[in-house]
C-alpha atoms as a PDB file:
ATOM      1  CA  MET A   1     -20.695  17.966 -27.870  1.00  0.00           C
ATOM      2  CA  ALA A   2     -22.443  17.718 -31.228  1.00  0.00           C
ATOM      3  CA  ASN A   3     -22.917  14.403 -33.011  1.00  0.00           C
ATOM      4  CA  LYS A   4     -20.136  14.302 -35.591  1.00  0.00           C
ATOM      5  CA  THR A   5     -21.754  11.826 -37.987  1.00  0.00           C
ATOM      6  CA  ASN A   6     -25.494  12.604 -37.616  1.00  0.00           C
ATOM      7  CA  MET A   7     -26.180   8.967 -38.513  1.00  0.00           C
ATOM      8  CA  THR A   8     -29.617   7.475 -38.141  1.00  0.00           C
ATOM      9  CA  ASP A   9     -29.947   4.114 -36.421  1.00  0.00           C
ATOM     10  CA  GLU A  10     -30.400   2.444 -39.803  1.00  0.00           C
ATOM     11  CA  GLN A  11     -27.270   4.066 -41.227  1.00  0.00           C
ATOM     12  CA  LEU A  12     -25.270   3.052 -38.159  1.00  0.00           C
ATOM     13  CA  ALA A  13     -26.601  -0.511 -38.419  1.00  0.00           C
ATOM     14  CA  GLN A  14     -25.446  -0.641 -42.042  1.00  0.00           C
ATOM     15  CA  GLU A  15     -21.976   0.586 -41.113  1.00  0.00           C
ATOM     16  CA  LEU A  16     -21.736  -1.978 -38.314  1.00  0.00           C
ATOM     17  CA  ARG A  17     -22.664  -4.742 -40.739  1.00  0.00           C
ATOM     18  CA  LYS A  18     -19.909  -3.576 -43.108  1.00  0.00           C
ATOM     19  CA  ASN A  19     -17.372  -3.555 -40.307  1.00  0.00           C
ATOM     20  CA  LYS A  20     -18.501  -6.995 -39.191  1.00  0.00           C
ATOM     21  CA  GLY A  21     -17.880  -8.300 -42.715  1.00  0.00           C
ATOM     22  CA  GLY A  22     -14.448  -6.681 -42.750  1.00  0.00           C
ATOM     23  CA  LYS A  23     -13.565  -8.282 -39.409  1.00  0.00           C
ATOM     24  CA  LEU A  24     -14.585 -11.674 -40.793  1.00  0.00           C
ATOM     25  CA  GLY A  25     -12.232 -11.129 -43.729  1.00  0.00           C
ATOM     26  CA  GLY A  26      -9.443 -10.334 -41.281  1.00  0.00           C
ATOM     27  CA  LYS A  27     -10.139 -13.507 -39.323  1.00  0.00           C
ATOM     28  CA  LEU A  28      -9.998 -15.604 -42.495  1.00  0.00           C
ATOM     29  CA  LEU A  29      -6.720 -13.956 -43.464  1.00  0.00           C
ATOM     30  CA  SER A  30      -5.303 -14.712 -40.007  1.00  0.00           C
ATOM     31  CA  LEU A  31      -6.471 -18.324 -40.252  1.00  0.00           C
ATOM     32  CA  LEU A  32      -4.841 -18.662 -43.668  1.00  0.00           C
ATOM     33  CA  GLY A  33      -1.606 -17.324 -42.195  1.00  0.00           C
ATOM     34  CA  VAL A  34      -1.668 -19.922 -39.404  1.00  0.00           C
ATOM     35  CA  ILE A  35      -2.300 -22.717 -41.923  1.00  0.00           C
ATOM     36  CA  VAL A  36       0.547 -21.587 -44.195  1.00  0.00           C
ATOM     37  CA  ALA A  37       2.936 -21.372 -41.234  1.00  0.00           C
ATOM     38  CA  ILE A  38       1.948 -24.864 -40.053  1.00  0.00           C
ATOM     39  CA  VAL A  39       2.484 -26.248 -43.555  1.00  0.00           C
ATOM     40  CA  GLY A  40       5.924 -24.648 -43.568  1.00  0.00           C
ATOM     41  CA  ILE A  41       6.772 -26.322 -40.251  1.00  0.00           C
ATOM     42  CA  VAL A  42       5.456 -29.709 -41.420  1.00  0.00           C
ATOM     43  CA  LEU A  43       7.514 -29.482 -44.610  1.00  0.00           C
ATOM     44  CA  GLY A  44      10.739 -29.479 -42.671  1.00  0.00           C
ATOM     45  CA  GLY A  45      10.795 -25.919 -41.445  1.00  0.00           C
ATOM     46  CA  SER A  46      10.372 -24.002 -44.694  1.00  0.00           C
ATOM     47  CA  ILE A  47      11.451 -20.491 -43.729  1.00  0.00           C
ATOM     48  CA  VAL A  48       9.688 -18.960 -46.739  1.00  0.00           C
ATOM     49  CA  LEU A  49       6.297 -20.466 -45.865  1.00  0.00           C
ATOM     50  CA  ILE A  50       6.694 -19.684 -42.176  1.00  0.00           C
ATOM     51  CA  VAL A  51       7.502 -16.047 -42.964  1.00  0.00           C
ATOM     52  CA  ILE A  52       4.590 -15.773 -45.409  1.00  0.00           C
ATOM     53  CA  GLY A  53       2.291 -17.285 -42.804  1.00  0.00           C
ATOM     54  CA  GLY A  54       3.488 -14.807 -40.221  1.00  0.00           C
ATOM     55  CA  VAL A  55       2.902 -11.890 -42.569  1.00  0.00           C
ATOM     56  CA  LEU A  56      -0.627 -13.073 -43.419  1.00  0.00           C
ATOM     57  CA  LEU A  57      -1.406 -13.543 -39.736  1.00  0.00           C
ATOM     58  CA  ALA A  58      -0.170 -10.024 -38.916  1.00  0.00           C
ATOM     59  CA  LEU A  59      -2.160  -8.527 -41.790  1.00  0.00           C
ATOM     60  CA  GLY A  60      -5.302 -10.338 -40.683  1.00  0.00           C
ATOM     61  CA  GLN A  61      -4.952  -9.092 -37.128  1.00  0.00           C
ATOM     62  CA  MET A  62      -4.321  -5.566 -38.389  1.00  0.00           C
ATOM     63  CA  VAL A  63      -7.483  -5.661 -40.507  1.00  0.00           C
ATOM     64  CA  GLN A  64      -9.532  -6.901 -37.552  1.00  0.00           C
ATOM     65  CA  GLY A  65      -8.101  -4.204 -35.316  1.00  0.00           C
ATOM     66  CA  LYS A  66      -8.821  -1.409 -37.780  1.00  0.00           C
ATOM     67  CA  ARG A  67     -12.366  -2.619 -38.382  1.00  0.00           C
ATOM     68  CA  LYS A  68     -13.018  -2.821 -34.650  1.00  0.00           C
ATOM     69  CA  GLU A  69     -11.571   0.640 -34.148  1.00  0.00           C
ATOM     70  CA  ALA A  70     -13.753   2.055 -36.942  1.00  0.00           C
ATOM     71  CA  ALA A  71     -16.888   0.436 -35.488  1.00  0.00           C
ATOM     72  CA  ASP A  72     -16.155   1.773 -32.011  1.00  0.00           C
ATOM     73  CA  ARG A  73     -15.574   5.267 -33.406  1.00  0.00           C
ATOM     74  CA  GLN A  74     -18.852   5.252 -35.344  1.00  0.00           C
ATOM     75  CA  VAL A  75     -20.773   4.010 -32.323  1.00  0.00           C
ATOM     76  CA  PHE A  76     -19.158   6.589 -30.056  1.00  0.00           C
ATOM     77  CA  ASP A  77     -19.813   9.518 -32.395  1.00  0.00           C
ATOM     78  CA  THR A  78     -23.414   8.486 -32.997  1.00  0.00           C
ATOM     79  CA  LEU A  79     -24.629   7.227 -29.616  1.00  0.00           C
ATOM     80  CA  ALA A  80     -22.329   8.545 -26.893  1.00  0.00           C
ATOM     81  CA  PRO A  81     -23.538  12.189 -26.881  1.00  0.00           C
ATOM     82  CA  GLU A  82     -27.157  11.144 -26.404  1.00  0.00           C
ATOM     83  CA  VAL A  83     -26.422   8.556 -23.710  1.00  0.00           C
ATOM     84  CA  VAL A  84     -23.942  10.680 -21.765  1.00  0.00           C
ATOM     85  CA  ASN A  85     -26.214  13.734 -21.774  1.00  0.00           C
ATOM     86  CA  SER A  86     -29.085  11.610 -20.439  1.00  0.00           C
ATOM     87  CA  VAL A  87     -27.012  10.786 -17.329  1.00  0.00           C
ATOM     88  CA  PHE A  88     -24.657  13.764 -16.828  1.00  0.00           C
ATOM     89  CA  GLU A  89     -24.980  17.523 -16.946  1.00  0.00           C
ATOM     90  CA  ASN A  90     -22.517  19.772 -18.800  1.00  0.00           C
ATOM     91  CA  ALA A  91     -20.947  16.748 -20.483  1.00  0.00           C
ATOM     92  CA  ASP A  92     -17.622  17.195 -22.271  1.00  0.00           C
ATOM     93  CA  LEU A  93     -16.765  14.247 -24.524  1.00  0.00           C
ATOM     94  CA  SER A  94     -13.205  15.419 -25.200  1.00  0.00           C
ATOM     95  CA  PRO A  95     -11.838  17.240 -22.131  1.00  0.00           C
ATOM     96  CA  ALA A  96      -8.436  18.842 -22.621  1.00  0.00           C
ATOM     97  CA  GLU A  97      -7.268  17.911 -19.122  1.00  0.00           C
ATOM     98  CA  HIS A  98      -7.703  14.647 -17.236  1.00  0.00           C
ATOM     99  CA  THR A  99      -8.155  14.212 -13.495  1.00  0.00           C
ATOM    100  CA  LEU A 100      -8.571  10.438 -13.388  1.00  0.00           C
ATOM    101  CA  HIS A 101      -5.181   8.814 -12.763  1.00  0.00           C
ATOM    102  CA  VAL A 102      -4.875   5.080 -12.106  1.00  0.00           C
ATOM    103  CA  GLU A 103      -1.913   5.418  -9.781  1.00  0.00           C
ATOM    104  CA  ASP A 104      -3.958   7.552  -7.366  1.00  0.00           C
ATOM    105  CA  SER A 105      -6.680   4.958  -6.882  1.00  0.00           C
ATOM    106  CA  HIS A 106      -4.887   2.328  -4.732  1.00  0.00           C
ATOM    107  CA  ILE A 107      -7.034  -0.319  -6.436  1.00  0.00           C
ATOM    108  CA  PRO A 108      -5.225  -3.706  -6.675  1.00  0.00           C
ATOM    109  CA  LEU A 109      -4.417  -4.492 -10.309  1.00  0.00           C
ATOM    110  CA  PRO A 110      -2.403  -7.102 -12.242  1.00  0.00           C
ATOM    111  CA  ALA A 111       1.342  -6.535 -12.565  1.00  0.00           C
ATOM    112  CA  HIS A 112       2.039  -4.317 -15.552  1.00  0.00           C
ATOM    113  CA  SER A 113       4.743  -2.223 -17.177  1.00  0.00           C
ATOM    114  CA  CYS A 114       2.614   0.695 -18.313  1.00  0.00           C
ATOM    115  CA  HIS A 115      -0.939   1.970 -18.381  1.00  0.00           C
ATOM    116  CA  THR A 116      -2.937   4.161 -20.728  1.00  0.00           C
ATOM    117  CA  GLY A 117      -6.272   5.935 -20.551  1.00  0.00           C
ATOM    118  CA  SER A 118      -8.564   6.755 -23.458  1.00  0.00           C
ATOM    119  CA  GLY A 119     -12.070   7.945 -24.223  1.00  0.00           C
ATOM    120  CA  TYR A 120     -12.132  10.499 -21.409  1.00  0.00           C
ATOM    121  CA  ILE A 121     -15.534  12.040 -20.686  1.00  0.00           C
ATOM    122  CA  ARG A 122     -16.312  14.624 -18.035  1.00  0.00           C
ATOM    123  CA  GLY A 123     -19.574  15.913 -16.623  1.00  0.00           C
ATOM    124  CA  LEU A 124     -21.639  16.533 -13.513  1.00  0.00           C
ATOM    125  CA  TYR A 125     -23.706  13.860 -11.817  1.00  0.00           C
ATOM    126  CA  GLU A 126     -26.234  15.592  -9.582  1.00  0.00           C
ATOM    127  CA  GLY A 127     -23.786  18.469  -9.277  1.00  0.00           C
ATOM    128  CA  LEU A 128     -20.770  16.245  -8.517  1.00  0.00           C
ATOM    129  CA  PRO A 129     -17.723  16.534 -10.844  1.00  0.00           C
ATOM    130  CA  THR A 130     -17.308  13.189 -12.571  1.00  0.00           C
ATOM    131  CA  GLU A 131     -14.870  11.810 -15.131  1.00  0.00           C
ATOM    132  CA  MET A 132     -14.698   8.428 -16.823  1.00  0.00           C
ATOM    133  CA  CYS A 133     -12.319   6.682 -19.182  1.00  0.00           C
ATOM    134  CA  THR A 134     -11.105   3.297 -20.372  1.00  0.00           C
ATOM    135  CA  VAL A 135      -7.943   2.009 -18.699  1.00  0.00           C
ATOM    136  CA  VAL A 136      -5.593  -0.462 -20.409  1.00  0.00           C
ATOM    137  CA  LEU A 137      -2.648  -2.081 -18.616  1.00  0.00           C
ATOM    138  CA  THR A 138       0.169  -3.559 -20.681  1.00  0.00           C
ATOM    139  CA  ASP A 139       3.011  -5.829 -19.637  1.00  0.00           C
ATOM    140  CA  VAL A 140       6.210  -5.505 -21.662  1.00  0.00           C
ATOM    141  CA  ASP A 141       9.099  -7.950 -21.661  1.00  0.00           C
ATOM    142  CA  GLU A 142      12.149  -8.461 -23.847  1.00  0.00           C
ATOM    143  CA  VAL A 143      12.984 -11.737 -25.572  1.00  0.00           C
ATOM    144  CA  GLN A 144      16.227 -12.582 -27.346  1.00  0.00           C
ATOM    145  CA  ARG A 145      15.762 -14.446 -30.617  1.00  0.00           C
ATOM    146  CA  GLU A 146      18.090 -17.448 -30.904  1.00  0.00           C
ATOM    147  CA  GLU A 147      18.321 -17.230 -34.684  1.00  0.00           C
ATOM    148  CA  THR A 148      19.322 -13.552 -34.793  1.00  0.00           C
ATOM    149  CA  GLY A 149      20.596 -12.817 -31.301  1.00  0.00           C
ATOM    150  CA  LEU A 150      18.513  -9.633 -31.343  1.00  0.00           C
ATOM    151  CA  TRP A 151      16.285  -8.525 -28.476  1.00  0.00           C
ATOM    152  CA  GLU A 152      12.603  -7.932 -29.210  1.00  0.00           C
ATOM    153  CA  LYS A 153       9.942  -6.357 -27.045  1.00  0.00           C
ATOM    154  CA  ASN A 154       6.716  -8.257 -26.499  1.00  0.00           C
ATOM    155  CA  GLU A 155       3.680  -6.309 -25.352  1.00  0.00           C
ATOM    156  CA  ARG A 156       0.713  -8.052 -23.790  1.00  0.00           C
ATOM    157  CA  VAL A 157      -2.503  -6.426 -22.618  1.00  0.00           C
ATOM    158  CA  VAL A 158      -3.196  -7.750 -19.114  1.00  0.00           C
ATOM    159  CA  TYR A 159      -6.193  -5.612 -18.210  1.00  0.00           C
ATOM    160  CA  THR A 160      -8.906  -3.486 -19.784  1.00  0.00           C
ATOM    161  CA  GLY A 161     -11.523  -1.795 -17.642  1.00  0.00           C
ATOM    162  CA  GLN A 162     -14.035   1.029 -17.412  1.00  0.00           C
ATOM    163  CA  TRP A 163     -13.176   3.558 -14.718  1.00  0.00           C
ATOM    164  CA  MET A 164     -14.975   6.486 -13.160  1.00  0.00           C
ATOM    165  CA  LEU A 165     -13.884   9.183 -10.714  1.00  0.00           C
ATOM    166  CA  CYS A 166     -16.459  11.193  -8.811  1.00  0.00           C
ATOM    167  CA  ARG A 167     -15.631  13.966  -6.348  1.00  0.00           C
ATOM    168  CA  LEU A 168     -18.197  13.681  -3.563  1.00  0.00           C
ATOM    169  CA  GLY A 169     -17.187  16.984  -1.989  1.00  0.00           C
ATOM    170  CA  THR A 170     -17.016  15.496   1.521  1.00  0.00           C
ATOM    171  CA  GLN A 171     -14.033  15.092   3.815  1.00  0.00           C
ATOM    172  CA  LEU A 172     -13.767  11.713   5.550  1.00  0.00           C
ATOM    173  CA  PRO A 173     -11.593  10.543   8.478  1.00  0.00           C
ATOM    174  CA  THR A 174      -9.722   8.185   6.145  1.00  0.00           C
ATOM    175  CA  GLY A 175     -10.244   6.151   2.994  1.00  0.00           C
ATOM    176  CA  LEU A 176     -11.061   2.551   2.140  1.00  0.00           C
ATOM    177  CA  THR A 177     -10.672   0.163  -0.769  1.00  0.00           C
ATOM    178  CA  LEU A 178     -12.712  -2.895  -1.613  1.00  0.00           C
ATOM    179  CA  TRP A 179     -12.051  -5.308  -4.442  1.00  0.00           C
ATOM    180  CA  PRO A 180     -13.374  -8.735  -5.503  1.00  0.00           C
ATOM    181  CA  ARG A 181     -11.975 -11.919  -4.087  1.00  0.00           C
ATOM    182  CA  GLY A 182      -9.953 -13.826  -6.650  1.00  0.00           C
ATOM    183  CA  LYS A 183      -6.525 -14.061  -8.196  1.00  0.00           C
ATOM    184  CA  LEU A 184      -5.056 -11.102  -6.286  1.00  0.00           C
ATOM    185  CA  ASP A 185      -6.035 -12.383  -2.829  1.00  0.00           C
ATOM    186  CA  LYS A 186      -2.581 -13.747  -1.987  1.00  0.00           C
ATOM    187  CA  LEU A 187      -0.931 -10.409  -2.725  1.00  0.00           C
ATOM    188  CA  PHE A 188      -3.246  -8.349  -0.547  1.00  0.00           C
ATOM    189  CA  ASN A 189      -4.674 -10.814   1.982  1.00  0.00           C
ATOM    190  CA  SER A 190      -2.770  -9.293   4.926  1.00  0.00           C
ATOM    191  CA  ARG A 191      -4.657  -6.013   4.439  1.00  0.00           C
ATOM    192  CA  THR A 192      -8.130  -7.545   4.384  1.00  0.00           C
ATOM    193  CA  ILE A 193     -10.651  -6.530   7.052  1.00  0.00           C
ATOM    194  CA  LYS A 194     -13.406  -8.960   7.980  1.00  0.00           C
ATOM    195  CA  THR A 195     -16.916  -7.585   8.466  1.00  0.00           C
ATOM    196  CA  GLU A 196     -19.735  -9.226  10.411  1.00  0.00           C
ATOM    197  CA  TYR A 197     -21.593  -9.812   7.144  1.00  0.00           C
ATOM    198  CA  GLU A 198     -20.331 -13.162   5.800  1.00  0.00           C
ATOM    199  CA  ASP A 199     -21.956 -12.791   2.380  1.00  0.00           C
ATOM    200  CA  PHE A 200     -19.953  -9.599   1.897  1.00  0.00           C
ATOM    201  CA  ASN A 201     -16.715 -11.251   3.081  1.00  0.00           C
ATOM    202  CA  LYS A 202     -17.162 -14.023   0.523  1.00  0.00           C
ATOM    203  CA  ARG A 203     -17.417 -11.541  -2.336  1.00  0.00           C
ATOM    204  CA  PHE A 204     -15.044  -8.716  -1.393  1.00  0.00           C
ATOM    205  CA  ASN A 205     -11.767  -7.861   0.264  1.00  0.00           C
ATOM    206  CA  LEU A 206     -11.656  -4.674   2.322  1.00  0.00           C
ATOM    207  CA  SER A 207      -8.692  -2.464   3.220  1.00  0.00           C
ATOM    208  CA  CYS A 208      -8.613   0.611   5.461  1.00  0.00           C
ATOM    209  CA  ASP A 209      -6.189   2.286   7.889  1.00  0.00           C
ATOM    210  CA  ASP A 210      -8.995   2.646  10.453  1.00  0.00           C
ATOM    211  CA  GLU A 211     -10.828  -0.660  10.768  1.00  0.00           C
ATOM    212  CA  GLN A 212     -13.464   0.640  13.177  1.00  0.00           C
ATOM    213  CA  TRP A 213     -14.381   3.554  10.933  1.00  0.00           C
ATOM    214  CA  ALA A 214     -14.567   1.261   7.896  1.00  0.00           C
ATOM    215  CA  LEU A 215     -16.950  -1.076   9.702  1.00  0.00           C
ATOM    216  CA  ARG A 216     -19.136   1.860  10.770  1.00  0.00           C
ATOM    217  CA  PHE A 217     -19.203   3.271   7.254  1.00  0.00           C
ATOM    218  CA  LEU A 218     -19.930  -0.129   5.708  1.00  0.00           C
ATOM    219  CA  ASN A 219     -22.997  -0.850   7.779  1.00  0.00           C
ATOM    220  CA  GLN A 220     -25.234  -3.745   6.837  1.00  0.00           C
ATOM    221  CA  SER A 221     -27.535  -1.581   4.729  1.00  0.00           C
ATOM    222  CA  ARG A 222     -24.641  -0.249   2.642  1.00  0.00           C
ATOM    223  CA  MET A 223     -23.081  -3.718   2.264  1.00  0.00           C
ATOM    224  CA  GLU A 224     -26.423  -5.115   1.086  1.00  0.00           C
ATOM    225  CA  ARG A 225     -26.593  -2.357  -1.535  1.00  0.00           C
ATOM    226  CA  ILE A 226     -23.045  -3.215  -2.641  1.00  0.00           C
ATOM    227  CA  LEU A 227     -23.990  -6.876  -2.990  1.00  0.00           C
ATOM    228  CA  ARG A 228     -27.019  -5.931  -5.085  1.00  0.00           C
ATOM    229  CA  LEU A 229     -24.701  -3.869  -7.272  1.00  0.00           C
ATOM    230  CA  ALA A 230     -22.424  -6.912  -7.599  1.00  0.00           C
ATOM    231  CA  ASP A 231     -25.389  -9.030  -8.684  1.00  0.00           C
ATOM    232  CA  SER A 232     -26.464  -6.498 -11.313  1.00  0.00           C
ATOM    233  CA  ALA A 233     -22.937  -5.612 -12.477  1.00  0.00           C
ATOM    234  CA  PHE A 234     -21.690  -6.387 -15.971  1.00  0.00           C
ATOM    235  CA  SER A 235     -18.281  -7.365 -14.534  1.00  0.00           C
ATOM    236  CA  GLU A 236     -16.352  -7.619 -11.300  1.00  0.00           C
ATOM    237  CA  PHE A 237     -15.537  -4.237  -9.817  1.00  0.00           C
ATOM    238  CA  ALA A 238     -13.402  -2.469  -7.247  1.00  0.00           C
ATOM    239  CA  VAL A 239     -13.906   0.797  -5.394  1.00  0.00           C
ATOM    240  CA  THR A 240     -11.666   3.238  -3.532  1.00  0.00           C
ATOM    241  CA  LEU A 241     -13.169   6.002  -1.399  1.00  0.00           C
ATOM    242  CA  CYS A 242     -10.459   8.518  -0.464  1.00  0.00           C
ATOM    243  CA  GLY A 243     -10.362  10.713   2.606  1.00  0.00           C
ATOM    244  CA  ASP A 244     -10.737  13.858   0.480  1.00  0.00           C
ATOM    245  CA  GLY A 245     -13.978  12.561  -1.037  1.00  0.00           C
ATOM    246  CA  ARG A 246     -12.650  11.182  -4.313  1.00  0.00           C
ATOM    247  CA  LEU A 247     -14.479   8.006  -5.312  1.00  0.00           C
ATOM    248  CA  TYR A 248     -12.777   5.679  -7.821  1.00  0.00           C
ATOM    249  CA  ILE A 249     -14.859   2.946  -9.456  1.00  0.00           C
ATOM    250  CA  ALA A 250     -13.168   0.309 -11.628  1.00  0.00           C
ATOM    251  CA  ALA A 251     -15.292  -2.145 -13.596  1.00  0.00           C
ATOM    252  CA  HIS A 252     -12.976  -4.963 -14.709  1.00  0.00           C
ATOM    253  CA  SER A 253     -15.069  -5.515 -17.834  1.00  0.00           C
ATOM    254  CA  GLY A 254     -12.414  -6.288 -20.443  1.00  0.00           C
ATOM    255  CA  HIS A 255     -13.804  -3.645 -22.803  1.00  0.00           C
ATOM    256  CA  SER A 256     -14.150   0.108 -23.175  1.00  0.00           C
ATOM    257  CA  PHE A 257     -17.025   2.490 -22.682  1.00  0.00           C
ATOM    258  CA  PHE A 258     -19.249   2.563 -25.778  1.00  0.00           C
ATOM    259  CA  ASP A 259     -17.673  -0.610 -27.127  1.00  0.00           C
ATOM    260  CA  ALA A 260     -19.380  -1.841 -30.300  1.00  0.00           C
ATOM    261  CA  GLY A 261     -18.811  -5.455 -29.263  1.00  0.00           C
ATOM    262  CA  LYS A 262     -18.962  -8.050 -32.007  1.00  0.00           C
ATOM    263  CA  GLY A 263     -21.322  -5.998 -34.138  1.00  0.00           C
ATOM    264  CA  ARG A 264     -24.334  -8.179 -33.412  1.00  0.00           C
ATOM    265  CA  GLU A 265     -26.325  -5.630 -31.410  1.00  0.00           C
ATOM    266  CA  THR A 266     -28.663  -3.140 -33.025  1.00  0.00           C
ATOM    267  CA  PRO A 267     -28.052   0.555 -32.376  1.00  0.00           C
ATOM    268  CA  ASP A 268     -31.009   0.606 -29.978  1.00  0.00           C
ATOM    269  CA  ALA A 269     -29.648  -2.424 -28.094  1.00  0.00           C
ATOM    270  CA  LEU A 270     -26.263  -0.680 -27.867  1.00  0.00           C
ATOM    271  CA  ARG A 271     -27.953   2.483 -26.608  1.00  0.00           C
ATOM    272  CA  GLN A 272     -29.752   0.523 -23.895  1.00  0.00           C
ATOM    273  CA  ARG A 273     -26.559  -1.332 -22.860  1.00  0.00           C
ATOM    274  CA  PHE A 274     -24.543   1.871 -22.624  1.00  0.00           C
ATOM    275  CA  THR A 275     -27.270   3.518 -20.549  1.00  0.00           C
ATOM    276  CA  ARG A 276     -27.417   0.521 -18.188  1.00  0.00           C
ATOM    277  CA  GLU A 277     -23.648   0.629 -17.714  1.00  0.00           C
ATOM    278  CA  LEU A 278     -23.562   4.356 -16.942  1.00  0.00           C
ATOM    279  CA  THR A 279     -26.557   4.034 -14.625  1.00  0.00           C
ATOM    280  CA  TRP A 280     -24.805   1.211 -12.788  1.00  0.00           C
ATOM    281  CA  PHE A 281     -21.828   3.510 -12.185  1.00  0.00           C
ATOM    282  CA  THR A 282     -24.070   6.274 -10.832  1.00  0.00           C
ATOM    283  CA  ASP A 283     -25.765   3.718  -8.563  1.00  0.00           C
ATOM    284  CA  VAL A 284     -22.312   2.983  -7.116  1.00  0.00           C
ATOM    285  CA  ILE A 285     -21.811   6.708  -6.536  1.00  0.00           C
ATOM    286  CA  ASP A 286     -25.150   6.894  -4.718  1.00  0.00           C
ATOM    287  CA  THR A 287     -24.217   3.889  -2.573  1.00  0.00           C
ATOM    288  CA  PHE A 288     -20.921   5.358  -1.367  1.00  0.00           C
ATOM    289  CA  ARG A 289     -22.134   8.881  -0.755  1.00  0.00           C
ATOM    290  CA  PRO A 290     -21.767   9.590   2.950  1.00  0.00           C
ATOM    291  CA  VAL A 291     -25.195  10.098   4.515  1.00  0.00           C
END
């Protein structure tokens, strides 16, 4: 896919600085809104000031969101084609159809009402069909306002992660899932398989319908490679290897692929970070390829 903006690194750096300044303005506007609302509360619940504060806060958050979105778009258009094509063959940065579906992965995730995928990219890694995207999970609940009696929906993002699906082209006796130990342990503890490698057990939970096969597949060499991946990872991660050879990798990073961050990194630093992240994903693919 051709670079849409044809920006040089210096031009991109200038645009990122502009967006950073715009985000700062949004933060100040949000802060002003909070202060005005607090003043309204202190002055005996002044509805006018509270409403004005709420409006300023919403405007400030909207400005920050738009600036962040613009920065991410500029970074994607300028850097993504180069980085993706250095790792994948036949890369398509806007595929019409998507094969990566969260509900097919069996990876334990926080409770949520809906999920969305964005930034889909497809290509071949050493001849293996691969697709990646950013997954966002949102929890939605309804709250009834006492003052109006009306019901309002509140949406809260509970998860953002970078996901990849690779089709290994190999049939397996069954599948397995491993995920980091943590907040979800109580929900899935009954499914956890213990290996003979204690360092692995301390870091990961393991689930599989065939315990003996899982333990043969996850030999000590492969578990040591997984632990090295955990040490070099930019976030916690989970993996599902399906019986039909589909490999799902979920990095629970809290941000998207080709995320501009806070605008402090130079274009070259961003390029290096994006390349490290994609290379980490391909290292996971190499680790789980059946020998």
